[in-house]
N, C-alpha and C. Protein backbone atom coordinates (compact mmCIF):
# COMPACT_ATOMS: atom_id res chain seq x y z
N MET A 1 82.21 72.58 12.76
CA MET A 1 82.75 73.44 11.71
C MET A 1 81.94 74.74 11.63
N GLN A 2 82.63 75.86 11.52
CA GLN A 2 81.97 77.15 11.43
C GLN A 2 81.20 77.27 10.12
N LYS A 3 79.98 77.75 10.19
CA LYS A 3 79.19 77.93 8.98
C LYS A 3 79.72 79.08 8.15
N GLN A 4 79.56 78.95 6.81
CA GLN A 4 80.05 79.97 5.89
C GLN A 4 78.90 80.66 5.17
N ALA A 5 79.02 81.98 5.05
CA ALA A 5 78.02 82.76 4.32
C ALA A 5 78.71 83.54 3.21
N LEU A 6 78.15 83.45 2.01
CA LEU A 6 78.65 84.19 0.85
C LEU A 6 77.68 85.32 0.54
N ILE A 7 78.19 86.56 0.52
CA ILE A 7 77.34 87.72 0.26
C ILE A 7 77.88 88.47 -0.95
N THR A 8 77.05 88.65 -1.97
CA THR A 8 77.46 89.46 -3.12
C THR A 8 77.06 90.91 -2.89
N GLY A 9 77.76 91.82 -3.55
CA GLY A 9 77.45 93.23 -3.39
C GLY A 9 77.64 93.70 -1.96
N ALA A 10 78.74 93.27 -1.33
CA ALA A 10 78.95 93.53 0.10
C ALA A 10 79.71 94.81 0.38
N THR A 11 79.95 95.64 -0.64
CA THR A 11 80.77 96.83 -0.42
C THR A 11 79.98 98.01 0.14
N SER A 12 78.64 97.92 0.14
CA SER A 12 77.84 99.03 0.64
C SER A 12 76.43 98.56 0.96
N GLY A 13 75.69 99.44 1.61
CA GLY A 13 74.26 99.23 1.79
C GLY A 13 73.86 97.95 2.49
N ILE A 14 72.83 97.32 1.96
CA ILE A 14 72.27 96.10 2.56
C ILE A 14 73.30 94.99 2.60
N GLY A 15 74.11 94.86 1.55
CA GLY A 15 75.11 93.79 1.51
C GLY A 15 76.15 93.92 2.60
N ARG A 16 76.63 95.14 2.79
CA ARG A 16 77.63 95.38 3.84
C ARG A 16 77.04 95.13 5.22
N ALA A 17 75.84 95.64 5.44
CA ALA A 17 75.18 95.44 6.73
C ALA A 17 74.92 93.96 7.00
N THR A 18 74.58 93.23 5.96
CA THR A 18 74.33 91.79 6.10
C THR A 18 75.61 91.06 6.46
N ALA A 19 76.71 91.42 5.81
CA ALA A 19 77.99 90.78 6.11
C ALA A 19 78.39 91.02 7.57
N LEU A 20 78.23 92.24 8.03
CA LEU A 20 78.57 92.55 9.43
C LEU A 20 77.68 91.78 10.40
N ARG A 21 76.40 91.71 10.10
CA ARG A 21 75.47 91.01 10.99
C ARG A 21 75.75 89.51 11.03
N LEU A 22 75.99 88.91 9.86
CA LEU A 22 76.25 87.48 9.83
C LEU A 22 77.56 87.14 10.53
N ALA A 23 78.56 88.00 10.40
CA ALA A 23 79.81 87.79 11.13
C ALA A 23 79.55 87.83 12.63
N LYS A 24 78.72 88.77 13.06
CA LYS A 24 78.36 88.88 14.47
C LYS A 24 77.61 87.64 14.96
N GLU A 25 76.85 87.02 14.04
CA GLU A 25 76.09 85.81 14.38
C GLU A 25 76.95 84.55 14.33
N GLY A 26 78.24 84.71 14.00
CA GLY A 26 79.16 83.58 14.05
C GLY A 26 79.50 82.94 12.73
N TYR A 27 79.04 83.50 11.64
CA TYR A 27 79.38 82.95 10.32
C TYR A 27 80.78 83.40 9.90
N ALA A 28 81.48 82.53 9.19
CA ALA A 28 82.67 82.94 8.45
C ALA A 28 82.16 83.56 7.16
N VAL A 29 82.46 84.82 6.95
CA VAL A 29 81.88 85.58 5.84
C VAL A 29 82.82 85.58 4.63
N ILE A 30 82.23 85.35 3.46
CA ILE A 30 82.93 85.55 2.19
C ILE A 30 82.21 86.70 1.51
N ALA A 31 82.86 87.86 1.47
CA ALA A 31 82.25 89.07 0.95
C ALA A 31 82.76 89.36 -0.45
N THR A 32 81.85 89.62 -1.38
CA THR A 32 82.26 89.91 -2.75
C THR A 32 81.73 91.27 -3.18
N GLY A 33 82.40 91.84 -4.16
CA GLY A 33 81.99 93.12 -4.72
C GLY A 33 83.04 93.57 -5.72
N ARG A 34 82.79 94.71 -6.34
CA ARG A 34 83.72 95.21 -7.36
C ARG A 34 84.81 96.09 -6.78
N ARG A 35 84.60 96.66 -5.60
CA ARG A 35 85.52 97.64 -5.05
C ARG A 35 86.41 97.02 -3.97
N ALA A 36 87.62 96.67 -4.37
CA ALA A 36 88.54 95.96 -3.48
C ALA A 36 88.87 96.76 -2.23
N ASP A 37 88.97 98.08 -2.35
CA ASP A 37 89.30 98.90 -1.18
C ASP A 37 88.21 98.83 -0.13
N ARG A 38 86.97 98.84 -0.56
CA ARG A 38 85.87 98.74 0.40
C ARG A 38 85.78 97.35 1.02
N LEU A 39 86.08 96.34 0.23
CA LEU A 39 86.10 94.98 0.78
C LEU A 39 87.18 94.86 1.85
N ALA A 40 88.33 95.47 1.62
CA ALA A 40 89.42 95.42 2.61
C ALA A 40 89.00 96.10 3.91
N THR A 41 88.29 97.21 3.80
CA THR A 41 87.79 97.91 4.99
C THR A 41 86.79 97.04 5.75
N LEU A 42 85.90 96.40 5.01
CA LEU A 42 84.92 95.50 5.63
C LEU A 42 85.61 94.35 6.35
N ARG A 43 86.57 93.74 5.69
CA ARG A 43 87.30 92.62 6.30
C ARG A 43 87.98 93.06 7.59
N ALA A 44 88.62 94.22 7.56
CA ALA A 44 89.30 94.72 8.75
C ALA A 44 88.32 94.94 9.89
N GLU A 45 87.14 95.45 9.57
CA GLU A 45 86.13 95.70 10.60
C GLU A 45 85.62 94.40 11.21
N ILE A 46 85.40 93.41 10.38
CA ILE A 46 84.92 92.12 10.88
C ILE A 46 86.00 91.44 11.73
N GLU A 47 87.22 91.46 11.23
CA GLU A 47 88.31 90.80 11.97
C GLU A 47 88.63 91.52 13.27
N ALA A 48 88.49 92.84 13.29
CA ALA A 48 88.72 93.60 14.53
C ALA A 48 87.72 93.22 15.61
N ALA A 49 86.53 92.77 15.16
CA ALA A 49 85.49 92.36 16.11
C ALA A 49 85.59 90.88 16.44
N GLY A 50 86.65 90.22 15.93
CA GLY A 50 86.86 88.81 16.24
C GLY A 50 86.26 87.84 15.25
N GLY A 51 85.75 88.34 14.14
CA GLY A 51 85.14 87.47 13.14
C GLY A 51 86.11 87.04 12.05
N ARG A 52 85.61 86.22 11.13
CA ARG A 52 86.40 85.75 9.99
C ARG A 52 85.79 86.28 8.71
N CYS A 53 86.63 86.80 7.84
CA CYS A 53 86.14 87.34 6.57
C CYS A 53 87.16 87.13 5.46
N THR A 54 86.68 86.57 4.36
CA THR A 54 87.45 86.45 3.13
C THR A 54 86.80 87.36 2.10
N THR A 55 87.60 88.03 1.28
CA THR A 55 87.03 88.92 0.27
C THR A 55 87.43 88.49 -1.13
N LEU A 56 86.52 88.69 -2.06
CA LEU A 56 86.74 88.37 -3.47
C LEU A 56 86.24 89.53 -4.30
N ALA A 57 87.15 90.21 -5.01
CA ALA A 57 86.78 91.36 -5.82
C ALA A 57 86.55 90.94 -7.27
N PHE A 58 85.31 91.01 -7.72
CA PHE A 58 84.98 90.69 -9.11
C PHE A 58 83.60 91.24 -9.42
N ASP A 59 83.23 91.18 -10.69
CA ASP A 59 81.96 91.72 -11.17
C ASP A 59 81.02 90.57 -11.50
N VAL A 60 79.86 90.52 -10.84
CA VAL A 60 78.92 89.42 -11.08
C VAL A 60 78.36 89.43 -12.50
N ARG A 61 78.54 90.54 -13.22
CA ARG A 61 78.04 90.59 -14.60
C ARG A 61 78.86 89.73 -15.54
N SER A 62 80.05 89.32 -15.10
CA SER A 62 80.92 88.48 -15.92
C SER A 62 80.82 87.03 -15.47
N GLU A 63 80.26 86.19 -16.31
CA GLU A 63 80.15 84.77 -15.95
C GLU A 63 81.53 84.17 -15.73
N GLU A 64 82.51 84.57 -16.54
CA GLU A 64 83.86 84.03 -16.40
C GLU A 64 84.46 84.41 -15.05
N GLU A 65 84.28 85.66 -14.61
CA GLU A 65 84.80 86.08 -13.31
C GLU A 65 84.10 85.38 -12.18
N VAL A 66 82.80 85.19 -12.31
CA VAL A 66 82.03 84.48 -11.28
C VAL A 66 82.56 83.06 -11.13
N ARG A 67 82.71 82.37 -12.24
CA ARG A 67 83.17 80.97 -12.18
C ARG A 67 84.59 80.88 -11.64
N ARG A 68 85.47 81.77 -12.07
CA ARG A 68 86.85 81.72 -11.62
C ARG A 68 86.97 81.96 -10.11
N ASN A 69 86.18 82.88 -9.60
CA ASN A 69 86.28 83.23 -8.18
C ASN A 69 85.50 82.31 -7.26
N LEU A 70 84.36 81.83 -7.72
CA LEU A 70 83.49 81.06 -6.83
C LEU A 70 83.61 79.55 -6.96
N SER A 71 84.08 79.06 -8.08
CA SER A 71 84.19 77.61 -8.26
C SER A 71 85.04 76.92 -7.20
N PRO A 72 86.14 77.54 -6.71
CA PRO A 72 86.94 76.86 -5.69
C PRO A 72 86.28 76.77 -4.32
N LEU A 73 85.20 77.51 -4.09
CA LEU A 73 84.59 77.55 -2.76
C LEU A 73 83.87 76.25 -2.44
N GLU A 74 83.93 75.86 -1.19
CA GLU A 74 83.22 74.67 -0.72
C GLU A 74 82.48 75.01 0.57
N ASN A 75 81.48 74.19 0.89
CA ASN A 75 80.77 74.28 2.18
C ASN A 75 80.13 75.64 2.43
N ILE A 76 79.44 76.15 1.42
CA ILE A 76 78.69 77.39 1.59
C ILE A 76 77.32 77.04 2.18
N ASP A 77 77.07 77.53 3.37
CA ASP A 77 75.80 77.24 4.04
C ASP A 77 74.72 78.26 3.69
N LEU A 78 75.16 79.49 3.43
CA LEU A 78 74.23 80.58 3.20
C LEU A 78 74.73 81.44 2.04
N LEU A 79 73.87 81.64 1.05
CA LEU A 79 74.19 82.51 -0.07
C LEU A 79 73.22 83.68 -0.06
N VAL A 80 73.75 84.89 -0.05
CA VAL A 80 72.90 86.08 -0.13
C VAL A 80 73.18 86.77 -1.47
N ASN A 81 72.26 86.60 -2.41
CA ASN A 81 72.36 87.24 -3.72
C ASN A 81 71.86 88.67 -3.58
N ASN A 82 72.78 89.56 -3.21
CA ASN A 82 72.42 90.93 -2.92
C ASN A 82 72.84 91.91 -4.02
N ALA A 83 73.88 91.60 -4.78
CA ALA A 83 74.39 92.54 -5.78
C ALA A 83 73.26 93.00 -6.70
N GLY A 84 73.10 94.31 -6.81
CA GLY A 84 72.04 94.85 -7.65
C GLY A 84 72.13 96.36 -7.70
N LEU A 85 71.43 96.93 -8.65
CA LEU A 85 71.45 98.39 -8.78
C LEU A 85 70.27 98.86 -9.61
N ALA A 86 70.01 100.16 -9.47
CA ALA A 86 69.11 100.86 -10.39
C ALA A 86 69.94 101.91 -11.10
N ALA A 87 69.66 102.13 -12.37
CA ALA A 87 70.39 103.13 -13.14
C ALA A 87 69.41 103.90 -14.00
N GLY A 88 69.38 105.21 -13.80
CA GLY A 88 68.46 106.05 -14.56
C GLY A 88 67.05 106.03 -14.01
N LEU A 89 66.31 107.08 -14.31
CA LEU A 89 64.92 107.20 -13.88
C LEU A 89 64.18 108.05 -14.91
N GLU A 90 63.97 107.46 -16.09
CA GLU A 90 63.35 108.19 -17.19
C GLU A 90 62.19 107.37 -17.77
N HIS A 91 61.33 108.07 -18.50
CA HIS A 91 60.29 107.36 -19.24
C HIS A 91 60.95 106.40 -20.24
N ILE A 92 60.24 105.36 -20.59
CA ILE A 92 60.79 104.29 -21.42
C ILE A 92 61.31 104.81 -22.76
N ASP A 93 60.70 105.87 -23.30
CA ASP A 93 61.13 106.41 -24.59
C ASP A 93 62.39 107.26 -24.48
N GLN A 94 62.86 107.51 -23.23
CA GLN A 94 64.04 108.34 -23.03
C GLN A 94 65.16 107.60 -22.31
N GLY A 95 64.95 106.33 -22.01
CA GLY A 95 65.94 105.57 -21.24
C GLY A 95 67.24 105.35 -21.99
N ASP A 96 68.31 105.19 -21.22
CA ASP A 96 69.64 104.92 -21.76
C ASP A 96 69.83 103.40 -21.78
N THR A 97 70.05 102.85 -22.94
CA THR A 97 70.17 101.39 -23.03
C THR A 97 71.38 100.85 -22.26
N ARG A 98 72.37 101.70 -22.04
CA ARG A 98 73.52 101.26 -21.21
C ARG A 98 73.07 101.03 -19.77
N ASP A 99 72.18 101.89 -19.28
CA ASP A 99 71.61 101.68 -17.95
C ASP A 99 70.80 100.39 -17.92
N TRP A 100 70.03 100.15 -18.96
CA TRP A 100 69.22 98.94 -19.02
C TRP A 100 70.10 97.69 -18.95
N ASP A 101 71.18 97.71 -19.73
CA ASP A 101 72.09 96.56 -19.73
C ASP A 101 72.69 96.34 -18.33
N ALA A 102 73.09 97.43 -17.68
CA ALA A 102 73.70 97.31 -16.35
C ALA A 102 72.73 96.67 -15.36
N MET A 103 71.46 97.07 -15.41
CA MET A 103 70.46 96.52 -14.48
C MET A 103 70.15 95.05 -14.77
N ILE A 104 69.92 94.74 -16.03
CA ILE A 104 69.61 93.35 -16.38
C ILE A 104 70.81 92.44 -16.10
N ASP A 105 71.99 92.90 -16.47
CA ASP A 105 73.19 92.08 -16.31
C ASP A 105 73.55 91.86 -14.83
N THR A 106 73.30 92.85 -13.99
CA THR A 106 73.62 92.71 -12.57
C THR A 106 72.49 92.02 -11.81
N ASN A 107 71.30 92.59 -11.91
CA ASN A 107 70.18 92.14 -11.07
C ASN A 107 69.66 90.76 -11.42
N VAL A 108 69.73 90.43 -12.71
CA VAL A 108 69.17 89.15 -13.15
C VAL A 108 70.28 88.14 -13.49
N LYS A 109 71.10 88.48 -14.47
CA LYS A 109 72.11 87.52 -14.91
C LYS A 109 73.17 87.28 -13.85
N GLY A 110 73.56 88.33 -13.12
CA GLY A 110 74.54 88.15 -12.05
C GLY A 110 74.04 87.19 -10.99
N LEU A 111 72.79 87.36 -10.59
CA LEU A 111 72.18 86.44 -9.61
C LEU A 111 72.18 85.00 -10.13
N LEU A 112 71.85 84.86 -11.40
CA LEU A 112 71.81 83.52 -12.00
C LEU A 112 73.21 82.90 -12.08
N TYR A 113 74.20 83.69 -12.50
CA TYR A 113 75.56 83.16 -12.61
C TYR A 113 76.07 82.66 -11.25
N VAL A 114 75.87 83.47 -10.22
CA VAL A 114 76.35 83.09 -8.88
C VAL A 114 75.61 81.84 -8.39
N THR A 115 74.30 81.83 -8.57
CA THR A 115 73.52 80.68 -8.11
C THR A 115 73.92 79.41 -8.85
N ARG A 116 74.22 79.55 -10.13
CA ARG A 116 74.57 78.36 -10.93
C ARG A 116 75.85 77.71 -10.43
N VAL A 117 76.76 78.50 -9.86
CA VAL A 117 78.00 77.93 -9.33
C VAL A 117 77.79 77.37 -7.92
N ILE A 118 77.04 78.08 -7.09
CA ILE A 118 76.93 77.71 -5.67
C ILE A 118 75.85 76.66 -5.42
N ALA A 119 74.72 76.73 -6.12
CA ALA A 119 73.62 75.81 -5.84
C ALA A 119 74.00 74.33 -5.99
N PRO A 120 74.76 73.92 -7.02
CA PRO A 120 75.12 72.51 -7.11
C PRO A 120 75.94 72.02 -5.91
N LYS A 121 76.75 72.89 -5.34
CA LYS A 121 77.53 72.52 -4.15
C LYS A 121 76.61 72.29 -2.96
N MET A 122 75.57 73.13 -2.84
CA MET A 122 74.59 72.95 -1.77
C MET A 122 73.81 71.65 -1.96
N VAL A 123 73.42 71.39 -3.21
CA VAL A 123 72.67 70.16 -3.50
C VAL A 123 73.52 68.94 -3.15
N ALA A 124 74.79 68.97 -3.52
CA ALA A 124 75.68 67.85 -3.22
C ALA A 124 75.83 67.63 -1.73
N ALA A 125 75.83 68.74 -0.97
CA ALA A 125 75.98 68.66 0.48
C ALA A 125 74.66 68.34 1.18
N GLY A 126 73.55 68.53 0.47
CA GLY A 126 72.25 68.28 1.06
C GLY A 126 71.80 69.33 2.05
N ARG A 127 72.36 70.53 1.93
CA ARG A 127 71.96 71.59 2.85
C ARG A 127 72.32 72.95 2.24
N GLY A 128 71.65 73.98 2.73
CA GLY A 128 71.95 75.32 2.28
C GLY A 128 70.71 76.20 2.27
N HIS A 129 70.94 77.49 2.26
CA HIS A 129 69.84 78.47 2.25
C HIS A 129 70.27 79.61 1.34
N ILE A 130 69.45 79.91 0.36
CA ILE A 130 69.72 80.99 -0.58
C ILE A 130 68.74 82.13 -0.33
N PHE A 131 69.28 83.33 -0.14
CA PHE A 131 68.47 84.53 0.00
C PHE A 131 68.66 85.39 -1.24
N ASN A 132 67.57 85.72 -1.91
CA ASN A 132 67.61 86.62 -3.05
C ASN A 132 67.03 87.97 -2.62
N ILE A 133 67.81 89.03 -2.78
CA ILE A 133 67.32 90.35 -2.41
C ILE A 133 66.58 90.96 -3.59
N GLY A 134 65.27 90.95 -3.49
CA GLY A 134 64.43 91.53 -4.54
C GLY A 134 64.09 92.96 -4.19
N SER A 135 62.82 93.31 -4.38
CA SER A 135 62.37 94.68 -4.10
C SER A 135 60.85 94.69 -4.18
N ILE A 136 60.23 95.65 -3.50
CA ILE A 136 58.79 95.81 -3.70
C ILE A 136 58.49 96.16 -5.16
N ALA A 137 59.52 96.65 -5.87
CA ALA A 137 59.37 96.91 -7.30
C ALA A 137 59.19 95.61 -8.08
N GLY A 138 59.43 94.48 -7.43
CA GLY A 138 59.24 93.19 -8.07
C GLY A 138 57.79 92.77 -8.15
N THR A 139 56.91 93.53 -7.52
CA THR A 139 55.47 93.27 -7.66
C THR A 139 54.69 94.54 -7.95
N GLU A 140 55.29 95.70 -7.67
CA GLU A 140 54.61 96.99 -7.89
C GLU A 140 55.47 97.87 -8.81
N ALA A 141 55.08 97.96 -10.05
CA ALA A 141 55.82 98.80 -11.00
C ALA A 141 55.48 100.27 -10.78
N TYR A 142 56.39 101.15 -11.21
CA TYR A 142 56.14 102.58 -11.04
C TYR A 142 56.67 103.35 -12.26
N GLU A 143 56.19 104.58 -12.40
CA GLU A 143 56.58 105.42 -13.53
C GLU A 143 58.09 105.63 -13.54
N ASN A 144 58.68 105.55 -14.71
CA ASN A 144 60.11 105.74 -14.94
C ASN A 144 60.96 104.54 -14.50
N GLY A 145 60.32 103.51 -14.01
CA GLY A 145 61.10 102.38 -13.49
C GLY A 145 60.95 101.10 -14.28
N ALA A 146 60.57 101.18 -15.55
CA ALA A 146 60.21 99.98 -16.31
C ALA A 146 61.26 98.88 -16.25
N VAL A 147 62.52 99.21 -16.52
CA VAL A 147 63.53 98.16 -16.61
C VAL A 147 63.97 97.70 -15.22
N TYR A 148 64.13 98.63 -14.28
CA TYR A 148 64.47 98.21 -12.92
C TYR A 148 63.36 97.31 -12.36
N CYS A 149 62.11 97.74 -12.53
CA CYS A 149 60.99 96.93 -12.04
C CYS A 149 60.96 95.57 -12.73
N ALA A 150 61.23 95.56 -14.03
CA ALA A 150 61.26 94.29 -14.77
C ALA A 150 62.33 93.37 -14.20
N SER A 151 63.48 93.94 -13.86
CA SER A 151 64.57 93.10 -13.33
C SER A 151 64.19 92.51 -11.98
N LYS A 152 63.46 93.27 -11.17
CA LYS A 152 63.07 92.75 -9.85
C LYS A 152 61.85 91.85 -9.94
N HIS A 153 61.00 92.06 -10.96
CA HIS A 153 59.95 91.07 -11.24
C HIS A 153 60.61 89.73 -11.60
N ALA A 154 61.72 89.81 -12.35
CA ALA A 154 62.45 88.60 -12.72
C ALA A 154 63.01 87.91 -11.48
N VAL A 155 63.56 88.69 -10.55
CA VAL A 155 64.08 88.10 -9.31
C VAL A 155 62.96 87.39 -8.54
N HIS A 156 61.79 88.00 -8.54
CA HIS A 156 60.64 87.38 -7.85
C HIS A 156 60.28 86.04 -8.49
N ALA A 157 60.19 86.02 -9.82
CA ALA A 157 59.85 84.78 -10.53
C ALA A 157 60.94 83.73 -10.37
N ILE A 158 62.20 84.16 -10.50
CA ILE A 158 63.32 83.22 -10.34
C ILE A 158 63.30 82.61 -8.94
N SER A 159 63.02 83.43 -7.94
CA SER A 159 63.01 82.94 -6.56
C SER A 159 61.93 81.88 -6.36
N GLN A 160 60.75 82.12 -6.92
CA GLN A 160 59.67 81.15 -6.79
C GLN A 160 60.01 79.83 -7.48
N SER A 161 60.56 79.93 -8.68
CA SER A 161 60.93 78.71 -9.41
C SER A 161 62.12 78.02 -8.75
N MET A 162 63.08 78.81 -8.26
CA MET A 162 64.25 78.24 -7.60
C MET A 162 63.83 77.45 -6.36
N ARG A 163 62.85 77.99 -5.63
CA ARG A 163 62.36 77.29 -4.44
C ARG A 163 61.78 75.93 -4.83
N ALA A 164 61.01 75.91 -5.91
CA ALA A 164 60.42 74.65 -6.38
C ALA A 164 61.50 73.69 -6.86
N ASP A 165 62.50 74.22 -7.58
CA ASP A 165 63.56 73.38 -8.13
C ASP A 165 64.40 72.71 -7.04
N LEU A 166 64.65 73.44 -5.95
CA LEU A 166 65.60 72.98 -4.94
C LEU A 166 64.96 72.36 -3.71
N LEU A 167 63.64 72.37 -3.67
CA LEU A 167 62.93 71.87 -2.49
C LEU A 167 63.30 70.42 -2.17
N SER A 168 63.30 69.57 -3.19
CA SER A 168 63.55 68.15 -2.94
C SER A 168 64.98 67.88 -2.51
N ALA A 169 65.88 68.84 -2.77
CA ALA A 169 67.28 68.68 -2.36
C ALA A 169 67.52 69.21 -0.95
N GLY A 170 66.47 69.75 -0.34
CA GLY A 170 66.61 70.25 1.02
C GLY A 170 67.20 71.64 1.12
N ILE A 171 67.20 72.38 -0.02
CA ILE A 171 67.76 73.73 -0.03
C ILE A 171 66.63 74.73 0.15
N LYS A 172 66.77 75.61 1.11
CA LYS A 172 65.77 76.65 1.34
C LYS A 172 66.05 77.85 0.43
N VAL A 173 64.98 78.49 -0.01
CA VAL A 173 65.11 79.70 -0.82
C VAL A 173 64.18 80.76 -0.25
N THR A 174 64.73 81.93 0.04
CA THR A 174 63.96 83.03 0.60
C THR A 174 64.18 84.27 -0.27
N GLU A 175 63.09 84.94 -0.61
CA GLU A 175 63.21 86.23 -1.29
C GLU A 175 62.85 87.32 -0.30
N ILE A 176 63.70 88.34 -0.22
CA ILE A 176 63.42 89.50 0.62
C ILE A 176 63.17 90.68 -0.31
N ARG A 177 62.07 91.40 -0.09
CA ARG A 177 61.70 92.50 -0.98
C ARG A 177 61.62 93.80 -0.18
N PRO A 178 62.75 94.48 0.00
CA PRO A 178 62.75 95.73 0.76
C PRO A 178 61.99 96.84 0.02
N GLY A 179 61.54 97.81 0.80
CA GLY A 179 61.04 99.06 0.23
C GLY A 179 62.20 100.04 0.17
N MET A 180 61.92 101.30 0.39
CA MET A 180 62.97 102.31 0.31
C MET A 180 63.94 102.17 1.48
N VAL A 181 65.23 102.11 1.16
CA VAL A 181 66.29 102.01 2.16
C VAL A 181 67.31 103.09 1.83
N GLU A 182 67.72 103.85 2.83
CA GLU A 182 68.66 104.94 2.57
C GLU A 182 70.08 104.41 2.51
N THR A 183 70.55 104.16 1.30
CA THR A 183 71.90 103.66 1.03
C THR A 183 72.46 104.46 -0.14
N GLU A 184 73.46 103.93 -0.81
CA GLU A 184 73.99 104.59 -2.02
C GLU A 184 73.12 104.32 -3.25
N PHE A 185 72.05 103.59 -3.06
CA PHE A 185 71.20 103.15 -4.17
C PHE A 185 70.84 104.30 -5.11
N SER A 186 70.30 105.39 -4.55
CA SER A 186 69.85 106.50 -5.40
C SER A 186 71.01 107.26 -6.02
N GLU A 187 72.13 107.34 -5.29
CA GLU A 187 73.31 108.01 -5.85
C GLU A 187 73.82 107.25 -7.07
N VAL A 188 73.77 105.93 -6.99
CA VAL A 188 74.15 105.11 -8.15
C VAL A 188 73.15 105.33 -9.28
N ARG A 189 71.86 105.32 -8.93
CA ARG A 189 70.82 105.49 -9.94
C ARG A 189 71.01 106.78 -10.73
N PHE A 190 71.40 107.86 -10.01
CA PHE A 190 71.55 109.16 -10.66
C PHE A 190 72.99 109.47 -11.03
N HIS A 191 73.79 108.42 -11.14
CA HIS A 191 75.17 108.53 -11.64
C HIS A 191 75.99 109.57 -10.89
N GLY A 192 75.88 109.53 -9.54
CA GLY A 192 76.70 110.40 -8.71
C GLY A 192 76.11 111.75 -8.40
N ASP A 193 74.92 112.05 -8.88
CA ASP A 193 74.27 113.33 -8.58
C ASP A 193 73.69 113.25 -7.17
N LYS A 194 74.50 113.64 -6.17
CA LYS A 194 74.11 113.47 -4.76
C LYS A 194 72.90 114.32 -4.40
N LYS A 195 72.80 115.53 -4.96
CA LYS A 195 71.67 116.39 -4.65
C LYS A 195 70.36 115.75 -5.07
N ARG A 196 70.35 115.19 -6.28
CA ARG A 196 69.14 114.52 -6.76
C ARG A 196 68.86 113.25 -5.96
N ALA A 197 69.93 112.56 -5.60
CA ALA A 197 69.78 111.33 -4.82
C ALA A 197 69.21 111.63 -3.44
N ASP A 198 69.74 112.64 -2.78
CA ASP A 198 69.28 112.99 -1.43
C ASP A 198 67.82 113.40 -1.42
N ALA A 199 67.37 114.02 -2.52
CA ALA A 199 65.98 114.48 -2.61
C ALA A 199 64.98 113.32 -2.58
N VAL A 200 65.45 112.14 -2.98
CA VAL A 200 64.57 110.95 -2.99
C VAL A 200 64.08 110.66 -1.58
N TYR A 201 64.90 110.94 -0.56
CA TYR A 201 64.58 110.56 0.80
C TYR A 201 63.89 111.67 1.59
N ASP A 202 63.63 112.82 0.94
CA ASP A 202 62.93 113.91 1.63
C ASP A 202 61.49 113.52 1.98
């Protein structure tokens, strides 16, 4: 039976690249994200290369959407909790609480919601590997990044505890903590201000 990989946040950046690579490695990919048009493009690209791809458009910030879309899935061998974002880059006294909510709800609660649905299926099957995409910000905080760094510190702690929780069930847990990667990350952080986003990579 072909192994299945579920990737959240697969519409761009690391998630999209991961979906393409896993398809190339022979996995049947289940790609999720909020942008259905981008998921359709990804699926077409994978299928054109001879791979298999299913897409599910929903927002990981909604527990109800996560459960509705992911509960029917079976035989997930690999889960990549990639969905995440940074929003805003201001001192703590000037931050926008809407940005804070978006980061906490996506980076922390979204990861938890997805894992809560998929992990029991892995435990029942006695196999599986969960990858949580953290950040170097999960151990090294920086100016203007209080809430983003806090969310990735949370991913680091959750990953360590998750590994301990699932060890006896034979489920592997890996945290990956990238540094700076040139994706849409900064454009999202600066709410579409491409000039400011591009300057980050100078």
